[in-house]
PDB file of N, CA and C in Angstrom:
ATOM      1  N   MET A   1     128.218 109.224  71.510  1.00  0.00           N
ATOM      2  CA  MET A   1     128.136 107.795  71.511  1.00  0.00           C
ATOM      3  C   MET A   1     128.891 107.263  72.664  1.00  0.00           C
ATOM      4  N   GLU A   2     128.366 106.311  73.344  1.00  0.00           N
ATOM      5  CA  GLU A   2     128.966 105.793  74.525  1.00  0.00           C
ATOM      6  C   GLU A   2     130.018 104.686  74.253  1.00  0.00           C
ATOM      7  N   ALA A   3     131.015 104.716  75.063  1.00  0.00           N
ATOM      8  CA  ALA A   3     132.109 103.667  74.952  1.00  0.00           C
ATOM      9  C   ALA A   3     131.386 102.299  75.085  1.00  0.00           C
ATOM     10  N   GLU A   4     130.418 102.163  75.801  1.00  0.00           N
ATOM     11  CA  GLU A   4     129.691 100.868  76.063  1.00  0.00           C
ATOM     12  C   GLU A   4     129.167 100.261  74.697  1.00  0.00           C
ATOM     13  N   THR A   5     128.634 101.243  73.902  1.00  0.00           N
ATOM     14  CA  THR A   5     128.140 100.783  72.579  1.00  0.00           C
ATOM     15  C   THR A   5     129.263 100.190  71.747  1.00  0.00           C
ATOM     16  N   PHE A   6     130.462 100.832  71.666  1.00  0.00           N
ATOM     17  CA  PHE A   6     131.512 100.328  70.925  1.00  0.00           C
ATOM     18  C   PHE A   6     132.085  99.038  71.512  1.00  0.00           C
ATOM     19  N   ALA A   7     132.159  99.018  72.887  1.00  0.00           N
ATOM     20  CA  ALA A   7     132.683  97.730  73.439  1.00  0.00           C
ATOM     21  C   ALA A   7     131.756  96.541  73.160  1.00  0.00           C
ATOM     22  N   ALA A   8     130.442  96.883  73.014  1.00  0.00           N
ATOM     23  CA  ALA A   8     129.422  95.802  72.770  1.00  0.00           C
ATOM     24  C   ALA A   8     129.652  95.392  71.242  1.00  0.00           C
ATOM     25  N   LEU A   9     129.879  96.295  70.376  1.00  0.00           N
ATOM     26  CA  LEU A   9     130.197  95.954  68.979  1.00  0.00           C
ATOM     27  C   LEU A   9     131.503  95.344  68.666  1.00  0.00           C
ATOM     28  N   GLY A  10     132.433  95.546  69.730  1.00  0.00           N
ATOM     29  CA  GLY A  10     133.772  95.059  69.464  1.00  0.00           C
ATOM     30  C   GLY A  10     133.994  93.582  69.617  1.00  0.00           C
ATOM     31  N   ASP A  11     132.970  92.759  69.858  1.00  0.00           N
ATOM     32  CA  ASP A  11     133.167  91.307  70.043  1.00  0.00           C
ATOM     33  C   ASP A  11     132.575  90.614  68.866  1.00  0.00           C
ATOM     34  N   PRO A  12     133.360  89.768  68.212  1.00  0.00           N
ATOM     35  CA  PRO A  12     132.812  89.058  67.079  1.00  0.00           C
ATOM     36  C   PRO A  12     131.528  88.281  67.280  1.00  0.00           C
ATOM     37  N   ALA A  13     131.400  87.651  68.469  1.00  0.00           N
ATOM     38  CA  ALA A  13     130.177  86.871  68.708  1.00  0.00           C
ATOM     39  C   ALA A  13     129.004  87.844  68.810  1.00  0.00           C
ATOM     40  N   ARG A  14     129.115  89.023  69.443  1.00  0.00           N
ATOM     41  CA  ARG A  14     128.028  89.927  69.485  1.00  0.00           C
ATOM     42  C   ARG A  14     127.687  90.578  68.090  1.00  0.00           C
ATOM     43  N   LEU A  15     128.715  90.723  67.176  1.00  0.00           N
ATOM     44  CA  LEU A  15     128.413  91.133  65.860  1.00  0.00           C
ATOM     45  C   LEU A  15     127.578  90.077  65.123  1.00  0.00           C
ATOM     46  N   ALA A  16     127.979  88.762  65.459  1.00  0.00           N
ATOM     47  CA  ALA A  16     127.148  87.672  64.837  1.00  0.00           C
ATOM     48  C   ALA A  16     125.738  87.727  65.300  1.00  0.00           C
ATOM     49  N   VAL A  17     125.498  88.037  66.572  1.00  0.00           N
ATOM     50  CA  VAL A  17     124.183  88.069  67.170  1.00  0.00           C
ATOM     51  C   VAL A  17     123.425  89.146  66.411  1.00  0.00           C
ATOM     52  N   ILE A  18     124.020  90.287  66.251  1.00  0.00           N
ATOM     53  CA  ILE A  18     123.409  91.435  65.595  1.00  0.00           C
ATOM     54  C   ILE A  18     123.034  91.064  64.047  1.00  0.00           C
ATOM     55  N   ASP A  19     123.962  90.299  63.427  1.00  0.00           N
ATOM     56  CA  ASP A  19     123.774  89.951  62.121  1.00  0.00           C
ATOM     57  C   ASP A  19     122.508  89.022  61.916  1.00  0.00           C
ATOM     58  N   LEU A  20     122.436  88.116  62.963  1.00  0.00           N
ATOM     59  CA  LEU A  20     121.219  87.220  62.940  1.00  0.00           C
ATOM     60  C   LEU A  20     119.923  87.998  63.141  1.00  0.00           C
ATOM     61  N   LEU A  21     119.994  88.977  64.169  1.00  0.00           N
ATOM     62  CA  LEU A  21     118.791  89.693  64.438  1.00  0.00           C
ATOM     63  C   LEU A  21     118.408  90.689  63.440  1.00  0.00           C
ATOM     64  N   ARG A  22     119.362  91.071  62.508  1.00  0.00           N
ATOM     65  CA  ARG A  22     118.977  91.934  61.389  1.00  0.00           C
ATOM     66  C   ARG A  22     117.887  91.238  60.440  1.00  0.00           C
ATOM     67  N   LYS A  23     117.949  89.934  60.423  1.00  0.00           N
ATOM     68  CA  LYS A  23     116.982  89.167  59.594  1.00  0.00           C
ATOM     69  C   LYS A  23     115.614  89.049  60.237  1.00  0.00           C
ATOM     70  N   GLN A  24     115.614  88.741  61.606  1.00  0.00           N
ATOM     71  CA  GLN A  24     114.310  88.553  62.236  1.00  0.00           C
ATOM     72  C   GLN A  24     114.605  88.435  63.865  1.00  0.00           C
ATOM     73  N   PRO A  25     113.610  88.682  64.568  1.00  0.00           N
ATOM     74  CA  PRO A  25     113.761  88.496  66.011  1.00  0.00           C
ATOM     75  C   PRO A  25     113.843  87.005  66.380  1.00  0.00           C
ATOM     76  N   LEU A  26     114.656  86.723  67.313  1.00  0.00           N
ATOM     77  CA  LEU A  26     114.874  85.312  67.579  1.00  0.00           C
ATOM     78  C   LEU A  26     114.905  85.082  69.063  1.00  0.00           C
ATOM     79  N   ARG A  27     114.646  83.808  69.549  1.00  0.00           N
ATOM     80  CA  ARG A  27     114.809  83.449  70.912  1.00  0.00           C
ATOM     81  C   ARG A  27     116.198  83.230  71.217  1.00  0.00           C
ATOM     82  N   SER A  28     116.650  83.315  72.527  1.00  0.00           N
ATOM     83  CA  SER A  28     118.048  83.165  72.818  1.00  0.00           C
ATOM     84  C   SER A  28     118.531  81.744  72.473  1.00  0.00           C
ATOM     85  N   GLY A  29     117.716  80.692  72.660  1.00  0.00           N
ATOM     86  CA  GLY A  29     118.051  79.343  72.334  1.00  0.00           C
ATOM     87  C   GLY A  29     118.350  79.235  70.730  1.00  0.00           C
ATOM     88  N   ASP A  30     117.665  79.859  70.012  1.00  0.00           N
ATOM     89  CA  ASP A  30     117.849  79.923  68.515  1.00  0.00           C
ATOM     90  C   ASP A  30     119.112  80.559  68.197  1.00  0.00           C
ATOM     91  N   ILE A  31     119.432  81.698  68.890  1.00  0.00           N
ATOM     92  CA  ILE A  31     120.649  82.341  68.625  1.00  0.00           C
ATOM     93  C   ILE A  31     121.760  81.538  69.087  1.00  0.00           C
ATOM     94  N   ALA A  32     121.739  80.870  70.229  1.00  0.00           N
ATOM     95  CA  ALA A  32     122.791  79.976  70.707  1.00  0.00           C
ATOM     96  C   ALA A  32     123.063  78.835  69.714  1.00  0.00           C
ATOM     97  N   ALA A  33     121.989  78.240  69.196  1.00  0.00           N
ATOM     98  CA  ALA A  33     122.051  77.115  68.264  1.00  0.00           C
ATOM     99  C   ALA A  33     122.728  77.617  66.940  1.00  0.00           C
ATOM    100  N   ALA A  34     122.242  78.750  66.474  1.00  0.00           N
ATOM    101  CA  ALA A  34     122.797  79.235  65.121  1.00  0.00           C
ATOM    102  C   ALA A  34     124.280  79.557  65.249  1.00  0.00           C
ATOM    103  N   LEU A  35     124.779  80.084  66.389  1.00  0.00           N
ATOM    104  CA  LEU A  35     126.106  80.510  66.582  1.00  0.00           C
ATOM    105  C   LEU A  35     127.014  79.447  67.307  1.00  0.00           C
ATOM    106  N   GLU A  36     126.315  78.345  67.639  1.00  0.00           N
ATOM    107  CA  GLU A  36     127.113  77.214  68.357  1.00  0.00           C
ATOM    108  C   GLU A  36     127.758  77.762  69.598  1.00  0.00           C
ATOM    109  N   LEU A  37     126.936  78.448  70.366  1.00  0.00           N
ATOM    110  CA  LEU A  37     127.395  78.992  71.637  1.00  0.00           C
ATOM    111  C   LEU A  37     126.553  78.355  72.739  1.00  0.00           C
ATOM    112  N   SER A  38     127.161  78.289  73.873  1.00  0.00           N
ATOM    113  CA  SER A  38     126.340  77.797  75.038  1.00  0.00           C
ATOM    114  C   SER A  38     125.280  78.835  75.368  1.00  0.00           C
ATOM    115  N   ARG A  39     124.229  78.367  76.071  1.00  0.00           N
ATOM    116  CA  ARG A  39     123.122  79.295  76.448  1.00  0.00           C
ATOM    117  C   ARG A  39     123.685  80.340  77.430  1.00  0.00           C
ATOM    118  N   PRO A  40     124.485  79.987  78.436  1.00  0.00           N
ATOM    119  CA  PRO A  40     125.012  81.016  79.346  1.00  0.00           C
ATOM    120  C   PRO A  40     125.825  82.091  78.541  1.00  0.00           C
ATOM    121  N   THR A  41     126.640  81.582  77.673  1.00  0.00           N
ATOM    122  CA  THR A  41     127.452  82.584  76.854  1.00  0.00           C
ATOM    123  C   THR A  41     126.616  83.451  76.054  1.00  0.00           C
ATOM    124  N   THR A  42     125.514  82.935  75.352  1.00  0.00           N
ATOM    125  CA  THR A  42     124.617  83.654  74.604  1.00  0.00           C
ATOM    126  C   THR A  42     123.937  84.652  75.469  1.00  0.00           C
ATOM    127  N   SER A  43     123.505  84.293  76.633  1.00  0.00           N
ATOM    128  CA  SER A  43     122.788  85.093  77.592  1.00  0.00           C
ATOM    129  C   SER A  43     123.733  86.286  77.980  1.00  0.00           C
ATOM    130  N   ARG A  44     125.016  86.037  78.198  1.00  0.00           N
ATOM    131  CA  ARG A  44     125.894  87.099  78.566  1.00  0.00           C
ATOM    132  C   ARG A  44     126.038  88.085  77.461  1.00  0.00           C
ATOM    133  N   HIS A  45     126.164  87.598  76.202  1.00  0.00           N
ATOM    134  CA  HIS A  45     126.297  88.463  75.021  1.00  0.00           C
ATOM    135  C   HIS A  45     125.035  89.353  74.898  1.00  0.00           C
ATOM    136  N   LEU A  46     123.875  88.749  75.030  1.00  0.00           N
ATOM    137  CA  LEU A  46     122.614  89.399  74.862  1.00  0.00           C
ATOM    138  C   LEU A  46     122.469  90.534  75.973  1.00  0.00           C
ATOM    139  N   GLY A  47     122.935  90.193  77.145  1.00  0.00           N
ATOM    140  CA  GLY A  47     122.958  91.170  78.209  1.00  0.00           C
ATOM    141  C   GLY A  47     123.775  92.391  77.922  1.00  0.00           C
ATOM    142  N   VAL A  48     124.928  92.187  77.365  1.00  0.00           N
ATOM    143  CA  VAL A  48     125.873  93.268  76.963  1.00  0.00           C
ATOM    144  C   VAL A  48     125.124  94.132  75.854  1.00  0.00           C
ATOM    145  N   LEU A  49     124.546  93.477  74.951  1.00  0.00           N
ATOM    146  CA  LEU A  49     123.818  94.207  73.808  1.00  0.00           C
ATOM    147  C   LEU A  49     122.650  94.909  74.338  1.00  0.00           C
ATOM    148  N   ARG A  50     121.953  94.347  75.321  1.00  0.00           N
ATOM    149  CA  ARG A  50     120.722  95.096  75.903  1.00  0.00           C
ATOM    150  C   ARG A  50     121.194  96.252  76.693  1.00  0.00           C
ATOM    151  N   ARG A  51     122.257  96.123  77.508  1.00  0.00           N
ATOM    152  CA  ARG A  51     122.782  97.324  78.304  1.00  0.00           C
ATOM    153  C   ARG A  51     123.210  98.420  77.370  1.00  0.00           C
ATOM    154  N   ALA A  52     123.755  98.135  76.197  1.00  0.00           N
ATOM    155  CA  ALA A  52     124.278  99.043  75.237  1.00  0.00           C
ATOM    156  C   ALA A  52     123.122  99.701  74.507  1.00  0.00           C
ATOM    157  N   GLY A  53     121.897  99.145  74.688  1.00  0.00           N
ATOM    158  CA  GLY A  53     120.742  99.769  74.009  1.00  0.00           C
ATOM    159  C   GLY A  53     120.534  99.320  72.581  1.00  0.00           C
ATOM    160  N   LEU A  54     121.245  98.248  72.119  1.00  0.00           N
ATOM    161  CA  LEU A  54     121.307  97.730  70.741  1.00  0.00           C
ATOM    162  C   LEU A  54     120.220  96.692  70.471  1.00  0.00           C
ATOM    163  N   VAL A  55     119.857  95.991  71.562  1.00  0.00           N
ATOM    164  CA  VAL A  55     118.884  94.872  71.387  1.00  0.00           C
ATOM    165  C   VAL A  55     117.902  95.051  72.529  1.00  0.00           C
ATOM    166  N   GLU A  56     116.615  94.670  72.254  1.00  0.00           N
ATOM    167  CA  GLU A  56     115.600  94.616  73.315  1.00  0.00           C
ATOM    168  C   GLU A  56     114.968  93.288  73.327  1.00  0.00           C
ATOM    169  N   GLU A  57     114.452  92.933  74.464  1.00  0.00           N
ATOM    170  CA  GLU A  57     113.763  91.685  74.778  1.00  0.00           C
ATOM    171  C   GLU A  57     112.224  92.030  74.752  1.00  0.00           C
ATOM    172  N   VAL A  58     111.548  91.176  73.996  1.00  0.00           N
ATOM    173  CA  VAL A  58     110.053  91.355  73.855  1.00  0.00           C
ATOM    174  C   VAL A  58     109.395  90.120  74.104  1.00  0.00           C
ATOM    175  N   GLY A  59     108.167  90.150  74.624  1.00  0.00           N
ATOM    176  CA  GLY A  59     107.378  88.921  74.889  1.00  0.00           C
ATOM    177  C   GLY A  59     106.798  88.386  73.606  1.00  0.00           C
ATOM    178  N   VAL A  60     106.353  87.083  73.696  1.00  0.00           N
ATOM    179  CA  VAL A  60     105.641  86.392  72.655  1.00  0.00           C
ATOM    180  C   VAL A  60     104.193  86.246  72.980  1.00  0.00           C
ATOM    181  N   GLU A  61     103.274  86.615  72.108  1.00  0.00           N
ATOM    182  CA  GLU A  61     101.888  86.672  72.462  1.00  0.00           C
ATOM    183  C   GLU A  61     101.411  85.262  72.894  1.00  0.00           C
ATOM    184  N   ASP A  62     101.836  84.211  72.258  1.00  0.00           N
ATOM    185  CA  ASP A  62     101.342  82.821  72.488  1.00  0.00           C
ATOM    186  C   ASP A  62     101.845  82.184  73.840  1.00  0.00           C
ATOM    187  N   ASP A  63     103.003  82.711  74.209  1.00  0.00           N
ATOM    188  CA  ASP A  63     103.732  82.050  75.379  1.00  0.00           C
ATOM    189  C   ASP A  63     104.287  83.108  76.279  1.00  0.00           C
ATOM    190  N   ALA A  64     103.728  83.317  77.512  1.00  0.00           N
ATOM    191  CA  ALA A  64     104.168  84.395  78.330  1.00  0.00           C
ATOM    192  C   ALA A  64     105.660  84.174  78.884  1.00  0.00           C
ATOM    193  N   ARG A  65     106.047  82.928  78.789  1.00  0.00           N
ATOM    194  CA  ARG A  65     107.426  82.592  79.232  1.00  0.00           C
ATOM    195  C   ARG A  65     108.499  82.894  78.195  1.00  0.00           C
ATOM    196  N   ALA A  66     108.163  82.829  76.998  1.00  0.00           N
ATOM    197  CA  ALA A  66     109.024  82.958  75.816  1.00  0.00           C
ATOM    198  C   ALA A  66     109.402  84.459  75.607  1.00  0.00           C
ATOM    199  N   ARG A  67     110.690  84.609  75.275  1.00  0.00           N
ATOM    200  CA  ARG A  67     111.201  86.032  74.964  1.00  0.00           C
ATOM    201  C   ARG A  67     111.903  85.990  73.768  1.00  0.00           C
ATOM    202  N   LEU A  68     111.629  87.029  72.978  1.00  0.00           N
ATOM    203  CA  LEU A  68     112.349  87.206  71.621  1.00  0.00           C
ATOM    204  C   LEU A  68     113.283  88.408  71.793  1.00  0.00           C
ATOM    205  N   TYR A  69     114.422  88.358  71.108  1.00  0.00           N
ATOM    206  CA  TYR A  69     115.346  89.422  71.039  1.00  0.00           C
ATOM    207  C   TYR A  69     115.268  90.053  69.613  1.00  0.00           C
ATOM    208  N   GLN A  70     115.237  91.399  69.638  1.00  0.00           N
ATOM    209  CA  GLN A  70     115.201  92.150  68.348  1.00  0.00           C
ATOM    210  C   GLN A  70     116.161  93.375  68.475  1.00  0.00           C
ATOM    211  N   LEU A  71     116.558  93.783  67.313  1.00  0.00           N
ATOM    212  CA  LEU A  71     117.427  95.070  67.299  1.00  0.00           C
ATOM    213  C   LEU A  71     116.519  96.253  67.618  1.00  0.00           C
ATOM    214  N   ARG A  72     117.138  97.274  68.215  1.00  0.00           N
ATOM    215  CA  ARG A  72     116.558  98.607  68.447  1.00  0.00           C
ATOM    216  C   ARG A  72     117.056  99.538  67.379  1.00  0.00           C
ATOM    217  N   PRO A  73     116.218  99.700  66.294  1.00  0.00           N
ATOM    218  CA  PRO A  73     116.663 100.405  65.156  1.00  0.00           C
ATOM    219  C   PRO A  73     117.041 101.907  65.520  1.00  0.00           C
ATOM    220  N   GLU A  74     116.360 102.538  66.489  1.00  0.00           N
ATOM    221  CA  GLU A  74     116.575 103.926  66.869  1.00  0.00           C
ATOM    222  C   GLU A  74     118.039 104.035  67.416  1.00  0.00           C
ATOM    223  N   ARG A  75     118.606 103.019  68.020  1.00  0.00           N
ATOM    224  CA  ARG A  75     119.998 103.033  68.521  1.00  0.00           C
ATOM    225  C   ARG A  75     120.887 103.008  67.371  1.00  0.00           C
ATOM    226  N   PHE A  76     120.607 102.277  66.404  1.00  0.00           N
ATOM    227  CA  PHE A  76     121.510 102.188  65.228  1.00  0.00           C
ATOM    228  C   PHE A  76     121.423 103.493  64.420  1.00  0.00           C
ATOM    229  N   GLY A  77     120.262 104.131  64.463  1.00  0.00           N
ATOM    230  CA  GLY A  77     120.112 105.467  63.844  1.00  0.00           C
ATOM    231  C   GLY A  77     120.998 106.419  64.608  1.00  0.00           C
ATOM    232  N   GLU A  78     121.016 106.391  65.886  1.00  0.00           N
ATOM    233  CA  GLU A  78     121.905 107.306  66.615  1.00  0.00           C
ATOM    234  C   GLU A  78     123.359 107.012  66.312  1.00  0.00           C
ATOM    235  N   LEU A  79     123.719 105.826  66.112  1.00  0.00           N
ATOM    236  CA  LEU A  79     125.093 105.468  65.830  1.00  0.00           C
ATOM    237  C   LEU A  79     125.396 105.944  64.422  1.00  0.00           C
ATOM    238  N   ARG A  80     124.547 105.791  63.470  1.00  0.00           N
ATOM    239  CA  ARG A  80     124.752 106.341  62.051  1.00  0.00           C
ATOM    240  C   ARG A  80     124.895 107.800  62.097  1.00  0.00           C
ATOM    241  N   GLU A  81     124.121 108.507  62.896  1.00  0.00           N
ATOM    242  CA  GLU A  81     124.220 110.021  62.983  1.00  0.00           C
ATOM    243  C   GLU A  81     125.576 110.399  63.561  1.00  0.00           C
ATOM    244  N   TRP A  82     126.013 109.731  64.578  1.00  0.00           N
ATOM    245  CA  TRP A  82     127.272 109.995  65.158  1.00  0.00           C
ATOM    246  C   TRP A  82     128.460 109.826  64.161  1.00  0.00           C
ATOM    247  N   LEU A  83     128.336 108.673  63.496  1.00  0.00           N
ATOM    248  CA  LEU A  83     129.434 108.309  62.541  1.00  0.00           C
ATOM    249  C   LEU A  83     129.384 109.386  61.377  1.00  0.00           C
ATOM    250  N   ALA A  84     128.270 109.887  60.972  1.00  0.00           N
ATOM    251  CA  ALA A  84     128.166 110.847  59.922  1.00  0.00           C
ATOM    252  C   ALA A  84     128.877 112.147  60.422  1.00  0.00           C
ATOM    253  N   GLU A  85     128.599 112.474  61.703  1.00  0.00           N
ATOM    254  CA  GLU A  85     129.299 113.668  62.222  1.00  0.00           C
ATOM    255  C   GLU A  85     130.805 113.564  62.283  1.00  0.00           C
ATOM    256  N   VAL A  86     131.296 112.344  62.660  1.00  0.00           N
ATOM    257  CA  VAL A  86     132.734 112.168  62.670  1.00  0.00           C
ATOM    258  C   VAL A  86     133.328 112.136  61.272  1.00  0.00           C
ATOM    259  N   GLU A  87     132.618 111.593  60.320  1.00  0.00           N
ATOM    260  CA  GLU A  87     133.047 111.543  58.988  1.00  0.00           C
ATOM    261  C   GLU A  87     133.071 112.978  58.447  1.00  0.00           C
ATOM    262  N   ALA A  88     132.076 113.821  58.779  1.00  0.00           N
ATOM    263  CA  ALA A  88     132.121 115.217  58.354  1.00  0.00           C
ATOM    264  C   ALA A  88     133.307 115.911  58.937  1.00  0.00           C
ATOM    265  N   PHE A  89     133.568 115.753  60.224  1.00  0.00           N
ATOM    266  CA  PHE A  89     134.666 116.490  60.812  1.00  0.00           C
ATOM    267  C   PHE A  89     135.987 116.100  60.166  1.00  0.00           C
ATOM    268  N   TRP A  90     136.179 114.787  59.947  1.00  0.00           N
ATOM    269  CA  TRP A  90     137.482 114.393  59.360  1.00  0.00           C
ATOM    270  C   TRP A  90     137.531 114.780  57.887  1.00  0.00           C
ATOM    271  N   GLY A  91     136.484 114.814  57.220  1.00  0.00           N
ATOM    272  CA  GLY A  91     136.425 115.301  55.854  1.00  0.00           C
ATOM    273  C   GLY A  91     136.898 116.778  55.726  1.00  0.00           C
ATOM    274  N   GLU A  92     136.329 117.628  56.718  1.00  0.00           N
ATOM    275  CA  GLU A  92     136.777 118.981  56.722  1.00  0.00           C
ATOM    276  C   GLU A  92     138.316 119.079  57.062  1.00  0.00           C
ATOM    277  N   GLN A  93     138.722 118.308  58.027  1.00  0.00           N
ATOM    278  CA  GLN A  93     140.133 118.313  58.412  1.00  0.00           C
ATOM    279  C   GLN A  93     141.048 117.998  57.249  1.00  0.00           C
ATOM    280  N   LEU A  94     140.672 116.894  56.504  1.00  0.00           N
ATOM    281  CA  LEU A  94     141.425 116.522  55.366  1.00  0.00           C
ATOM    282  C   LEU A  94     141.493 117.524  54.246  1.00  0.00           C
ATOM    283  N   ARG A  95     140.294 118.108  54.033  1.00  0.00           N
ATOM    284  CA  ARG A  95     140.194 119.187  52.974  1.00  0.00           C
ATOM    285  C   ARG A  95     141.125 120.388  53.419  1.00  0.00           C
ATOM    286  N   ALA A  96     141.062 120.793  54.655  1.00  0.00           N
ATOM    287  CA  ALA A  96     141.955 121.875  55.154  1.00  0.00           C
ATOM    288  C   ALA A  96     143.387 121.491  54.991  1.00  0.00           C
ATOM    289  N   PHE A  97     143.719 120.264  55.361  1.00  0.00           N
ATOM    290  CA  PHE A  97     145.155 119.883  55.254  1.00  0.00           C
ATOM    291  C   PHE A  97     145.611 119.872  53.784  1.00  0.00           C
ATOM    292  N   GLN A  98     144.667 119.370  52.871  1.00  0.00           N
ATOM    293  CA  GLN A  98     144.995 119.351  51.434  1.00  0.00           C
ATOM    294  C   GLN A  98     145.206 120.820  50.969  1.00  0.00           C
ATOM    295  N   ALA A  99     144.385 121.731  51.302  1.00  0.00           N
ATOM    296  CA  ALA A  99     144.469 123.106  50.899  1.00  0.00           C
ATOM    297  C   ALA A  99     145.817 123.662  51.393  1.00  0.00           C
ATOM    298  N   HIS A 100     146.202 123.354  52.684  1.00  0.00           N
ATOM    299  CA  HIS A 100     147.449 123.836  53.174  1.00  0.00           C
ATOM    300  C   HIS A 100     148.597 123.272  52.394  1.00  0.00           C
ATOM    301  N   VAL A 101     148.665 122.038  52.108  1.00  0.00           N
ATOM    302  CA  VAL A 101     149.723 121.356  51.329  1.00  0.00           C
ATOM    303  C   VAL A 101     149.870 122.034  49.909  1.00  0.00           C
ATOM    304  N   GLU A 102     148.708 122.201  49.321  1.00  0.00           N
ATOM    305  CA  GLU A 102     148.737 122.742  47.981  1.00  0.00           C
ATOM    306  C   GLU A 102     149.170 124.197  47.996  1.00  0.00           C
ATOM    307  N   ALA A 103     148.774 125.018  48.976  1.00  0.00           N
ATOM    308  CA  ALA A 103     149.234 126.334  49.076  1.00  0.00           C
ATOM    309  C   ALA A 103     150.676 126.416  49.289  1.00  0.00           C
ATOM    310  N   LYS A 104     151.234 125.568  50.135  1.00  0.00           N
ATOM    311  CA  LYS A 104     152.621 125.439  50.389  1.00  0.00           C
ATOM    312  C   LYS A 104     153.425 125.068  49.148  1.00  0.00           C
ATOM    313  N   ALA A 105     152.970 124.168  48.337  1.00  0.00           N
ATOM    314  CA  ALA A 105     153.518 123.725  47.155  1.00  0.00           C
ATOM    315  C   ALA A 105     153.557 124.865  46.158  1.00  0.00           C
ATOM    316  N   ARG A 106     152.460 125.688  46.065  1.00  0.00           N
ATOM    317  CA  ARG A 106     152.436 126.736  45.079  1.00  0.00           C
ATOM    318  C   ARG A 106     153.467 127.788  45.513  1.00  0.00           C
ATOM    319  N   ARG A 107     153.650 128.037  46.766  1.00  0.00           N
ATOM    320  CA  ARG A 107     154.659 129.083  47.331  1.00  0.00           C
ATOM    321  C   ARG A 107     156.058 128.656  46.946  1.00  0.00           C
ATOM    322  N   ARG A 108     156.335 127.306  46.843  1.00  0.00           N
ATOM    323  CA  ARG A 108     157.655 126.844  46.561  1.00  0.00           C
ATOM    324  C   ARG A 108     158.054 127.068  45.137  1.00  0.00           C
ATOM    325  N   ARG A 109     157.025 127.159  44.264  1.00  0.00           N
ATOM    326  CA  ARG A 109     157.330 127.243  42.794  1.00  0.00           C
ATOM    327  C   ARG A 109     157.854 128.541  42.493  1.00  0.00           C
TER     328      ARG A 109
END
């Protein structure tokens, strides 16, 4: 997992954008209005999320100029897989540590 992904997720405004986009794809103006952000600020946040691969921009059939933003589920799947690997690693480490402590305690008795 890239540091860029975690940096993108490390900002409360970008997390709020992701939360909005979980419900449905939205135009940047709708995101700005919902979060009470300026359009340039919203655009910057969307750019960070796009570069991190978390959000994509798609066209609207009725209007060639309009753009919708939506989540990229495959990127979140990759993040979920990576987190599962990290969790498994630390679970193994904690079990090994617990076994070590318990063995040491038994030897003291």
